[in-house]
Amino acid sequence: MVKNIILDTNFILDCIKFKIDIKSEISRILDENFILSIFTVTKRELHNKKNENLALQLLEKMNVNIIDTSSHNVDSAILSLDNNNTIVATADKKLKEKLKNRNIPILVIREKKHLKLV
């Protein structure tokens, strides 16, 4: 079964900052197929951020799936998802706590150089 990995805004920007190759790191961690996704609101959150253009180019290069949502908040959009086959990539402490309470797997950055599934 294909895992849907939702990328949070700060996770994307942190991976750029630390020069982490998202796709190869996820391939290293997971033994199954996956698709990378973001929400439309994530693209809006990238607007006027440092490395905005680089982030948008990276998302396009990785063929990231864009999920249309009416939510104005990425965290709310993430928490409204069907949890089956979903992994959330985030650095947000509050969001991580909420995800843990729902038993949703979380992808995090470790040691500023690799990813880990927790």
C-alpha atoms as a PDB file:
ATOM      1  CA  MET A   1       0.000   0.000   0.000  1.00  0.00           C
ATOM      2  CA  VAL A   2       1.227   3.518  -0.806  1.00  0.00           C
ATOM      3  CA  LYS A   3       1.998   5.844   2.106  1.00  0.00           C
ATOM      4  CA  ASN A   4       0.954   9.477   1.805  1.00  0.00           C
ATOM      5  CA  ILE A   5       3.598  11.708   3.373  1.00  0.00           C
ATOM      6  CA  ILE A   6       2.336  15.189   4.209  1.00  0.00           C
ATOM      7  CA  LEU A   7       5.090  17.814   4.282  1.00  0.00           C
ATOM      8  CA  ASP A   8       4.655  20.675   6.749  1.00  0.00           C
ATOM      9  CA  THR A   9       5.888  24.143   5.740  1.00  0.00           C
ATOM     10  CA  ASN A  10       8.715  24.400   8.279  1.00  0.00           C
ATOM     11  CA  PHE A  11       9.825  20.841   7.541  1.00  0.00           C
ATOM     12  CA  ILE A  12      10.327  21.766   3.874  1.00  0.00           C
ATOM     13  CA  LEU A  13      12.249  24.918   4.767  1.00  0.00           C
ATOM     14  CA  ASP A  14      14.393  23.098   7.360  1.00  0.00           C
ATOM     15  CA  CYS A  15      15.301  20.372   4.847  1.00  0.00           C
ATOM     16  CA  ILE A  16      16.461  23.084   2.448  1.00  0.00           C
ATOM     17  CA  LYS A  17      18.402  24.860   5.202  1.00  0.00           C
ATOM     18  CA  PHE A  18      20.152  21.654   6.299  1.00  0.00           C
ATOM     19  CA  LYS A  19      20.556  20.356   2.716  1.00  0.00           C
ATOM     20  CA  ILE A  20      18.603  17.157   3.376  1.00  0.00           C
ATOM     21  CA  ASP A  21      17.429  15.204   0.323  1.00  0.00           C
ATOM     22  CA  ILE A  22      13.835  14.485   1.307  1.00  0.00           C
ATOM     23  CA  LYS A  23      13.090  11.773  -1.257  1.00  0.00           C
ATOM     24  CA  SER A  24      16.273   9.754  -0.757  1.00  0.00           C
ATOM     25  CA  GLU A  25      15.972   9.961   3.035  1.00  0.00           C
ATOM     26  CA  ILE A  26      12.368   8.748   2.960  1.00  0.00           C
ATOM     27  CA  SER A  27      13.356   5.946   0.571  1.00  0.00           C
ATOM     28  CA  ARG A  28      16.077   4.956   3.037  1.00  0.00           C
ATOM     29  CA  ILE A  29      13.566   4.803   5.896  1.00  0.00           C
ATOM     30  CA  LEU A  30      10.488   3.247   4.251  1.00  0.00           C
ATOM     31  CA  ASP A  31      10.280  -0.168   2.642  1.00  0.00           C
ATOM     32  CA  GLU A  32       7.147   0.785   0.751  1.00  0.00           C
ATOM     33  CA  ASN A  33       5.975   3.151  -1.945  1.00  0.00           C
ATOM     34  CA  PHE A  34       5.085   6.687  -0.986  1.00  0.00           C
ATOM     35  CA  ILE A  35       3.800   9.914  -2.434  1.00  0.00           C
ATOM     36  CA  LEU A  36       4.727  13.340  -1.129  1.00  0.00           C
ATOM     37  CA  SER A  37       1.914  15.803  -0.562  1.00  0.00           C
ATOM     38  CA  ILE A  38       1.332  19.339   0.632  1.00  0.00           C
ATOM     39  CA  PHE A  39      -1.805  21.401   1.103  1.00  0.00           C
ATOM     40  CA  THR A  40      -2.677  24.478  -0.923  1.00  0.00           C
ATOM     41  CA  VAL A  41      -2.315  26.441   2.314  1.00  0.00           C
ATOM     42  CA  THR A  42       1.283  25.184   2.608  1.00  0.00           C
ATOM     43  CA  LYS A  43       2.107  26.905  -0.679  1.00  0.00           C
ATOM     44  CA  ARG A  44       0.542  30.092   0.701  1.00  0.00           C
ATOM     45  CA  GLU A  45       2.600  29.784   3.899  1.00  0.00           C
ATOM     46  CA  LEU A  46       5.798  29.577   1.830  1.00  0.00           C
ATOM     47  CA  HIS A  47       5.019  32.994   0.335  1.00  0.00           C
ATOM     48  CA  ASN A  48       7.620  35.617   1.372  1.00  0.00           C
ATOM     49  CA  LYS A  49       9.633  33.107   3.412  1.00  0.00           C
ATOM     50  CA  LYS A  50      13.373  32.785   3.026  1.00  0.00           C
ATOM     51  CA  ASN A  51      14.047  30.185   0.299  1.00  0.00           C
ATOM     52  CA  GLU A  52      10.462  30.425  -1.011  1.00  0.00           C
ATOM     53  CA  ASN A  53      11.517  30.071  -4.655  1.00  0.00           C
ATOM     54  CA  LEU A  54      13.896  27.221  -3.902  1.00  0.00           C
ATOM     55  CA  ALA A  55      11.170  25.434  -1.923  1.00  0.00           C
ATOM     56  CA  LEU A  56       8.629  25.799  -4.738  1.00  0.00           C
ATOM     57  CA  GLN A  57      11.167  24.547  -7.304  1.00  0.00           C
ATOM     58  CA  LEU A  58      12.004  21.579  -5.070  1.00  0.00           C
ATOM     59  CA  LEU A  59       8.332  20.676  -4.627  1.00  0.00           C
ATOM     60  CA  GLU A  60       7.802  20.804  -8.376  1.00  0.00           C
ATOM     61  CA  LYS A  61      10.923  18.725  -9.049  1.00  0.00           C
ATOM     62  CA  MET A  62       9.754  16.067  -6.574  1.00  0.00           C
ATOM     63  CA  ASN A  63       6.274  15.988  -8.203  1.00  0.00           C
ATOM     64  CA  VAL A  64       4.604  16.718  -4.899  1.00  0.00           C
ATOM     65  CA  ASN A  65       0.861  16.133  -4.861  1.00  0.00           C
ATOM     66  CA  ILE A  66      -1.119  19.253  -3.876  1.00  0.00           C
ATOM     67  CA  ILE A  67      -4.197  18.631  -1.737  1.00  0.00           C
ATOM     68  CA  ASP A  68      -6.846  21.298  -2.070  1.00  0.00           C
ATOM     69  CA  THR A  69      -8.271  22.379   1.269  1.00  0.00           C
ATOM     70  CA  SER A  70     -10.518  25.147   2.484  1.00  0.00           C
ATOM     71  CA  SER A  71      -8.560  25.330   5.740  1.00  0.00           C
ATOM     72  CA  HIS A  72      -6.477  28.445   6.326  1.00  0.00           C
ATOM     73  CA  ASN A  73      -4.140  26.577   8.665  1.00  0.00           C
ATOM     74  CA  VAL A  74      -1.790  23.711   7.760  1.00  0.00           C
ATOM     75  CA  ASP A  75      -2.061  22.077  11.191  1.00  0.00           C
ATOM     76  CA  SER A  76      -5.870  21.997  10.991  1.00  0.00           C
ATOM     77  CA  ALA A  77      -5.708  20.556   7.491  1.00  0.00           C
ATOM     78  CA  ILE A  78      -3.270  17.858   8.632  1.00  0.00           C
ATOM     79  CA  LEU A  79      -5.397  16.935  11.644  1.00  0.00           C
ATOM     80  CA  SER A  80      -8.520  16.650   9.478  1.00  0.00           C
ATOM     81  CA  LEU A  81      -6.959  13.929   7.289  1.00  0.00           C
ATOM     82  CA  ASP A  82      -7.880  10.284   7.240  1.00  0.00           C
ATOM     83  CA  ASN A  83      -5.067   8.803   9.315  1.00  0.00           C
ATOM     84  CA  ASN A  84      -4.770   5.528   7.400  1.00  0.00           C
ATOM     85  CA  ASN A  85      -1.556   5.318   5.382  1.00  0.00           C
ATOM     86  CA  THR A  86      -0.550   8.867   6.339  1.00  0.00           C
ATOM     87  CA  ILE A  87       2.787  10.011   7.709  1.00  0.00           C
ATOM     88  CA  VAL A  88       3.298  13.652   8.667  1.00  0.00           C
ATOM     89  CA  ALA A  89       6.683  15.318   8.221  1.00  0.00           C
ATOM     90  CA  THR A  90       6.920  18.194  10.706  1.00  0.00           C
ATOM     91  CA  ALA A  91       9.152  20.034  13.145  1.00  0.00           C
ATOM     92  CA  ASP A  92       6.249  21.671  15.002  1.00  0.00           C
ATOM     93  CA  LYS A  93       6.235  20.539  18.661  1.00  0.00           C
ATOM     94  CA  LYS A  94       2.535  21.209  19.289  1.00  0.00           C
ATOM     95  CA  LEU A  95       1.529  19.406  16.100  1.00  0.00           C
ATOM     96  CA  LYS A  96       3.770  16.453  16.971  1.00  0.00           C
ATOM     97  CA  GLU A  97       1.988  16.060  20.335  1.00  0.00           C
ATOM     98  CA  LYS A  98      -1.428  16.083  18.659  1.00  0.00           C
ATOM     99  CA  LEU A  99      -0.246  13.542  16.080  1.00  0.00           C
ATOM    100  CA  LYS A 100       1.187  11.268  18.774  1.00  0.00           C
ATOM    101  CA  ASN A 101      -2.158  11.323  20.581  1.00  0.00           C
ATOM    102  CA  ARG A 102      -3.810  10.112  17.358  1.00  0.00           C
ATOM    103  CA  ASN A 103      -1.116   7.470  16.698  1.00  0.00           C
ATOM    104  CA  ILE A 104      -0.105   9.093  13.409  1.00  0.00           C
ATOM    105  CA  PRO A 105       3.506   8.373  12.404  1.00  0.00           C
ATOM    106  CA  ILE A 106       5.764  11.428  12.299  1.00  0.00           C
ATOM    107  CA  LEU A 107       8.820  12.071  10.162  1.00  0.00           C
ATOM    108  CA  VAL A 108      11.350  14.349  11.864  1.00  0.00           C
ATOM    109  CA  ILE A 109      14.790  15.795  11.206  1.00  0.00           C
ATOM    110  CA  ARG A 110      17.575  14.399  13.378  1.00  0.00           C
ATOM    111  CA  GLU A 111      21.040  15.907  13.897  1.00  0.00           C
ATOM    112  CA  LYS A 112      20.348  18.391  11.070  1.00  0.00           C
ATOM    113  CA  LYS A 113      21.385  15.761   8.527  1.00  0.00           C
ATOM    114  CA  HIS A 114      18.898  12.906   8.283  1.00  0.00           C
ATOM    115  CA  LEU A 115      15.261  11.979   8.766  1.00  0.00           C
ATOM    116  CA  LYS A 116      13.762   9.584  11.287  1.00  0.00           C
ATOM    117  CA  LEU A 117      10.302   8.052  11.601  1.00  0.00           C
ATOM    118  CA  VAL A 118       8.931   8.308  15.147  1.00  0.00           C
END
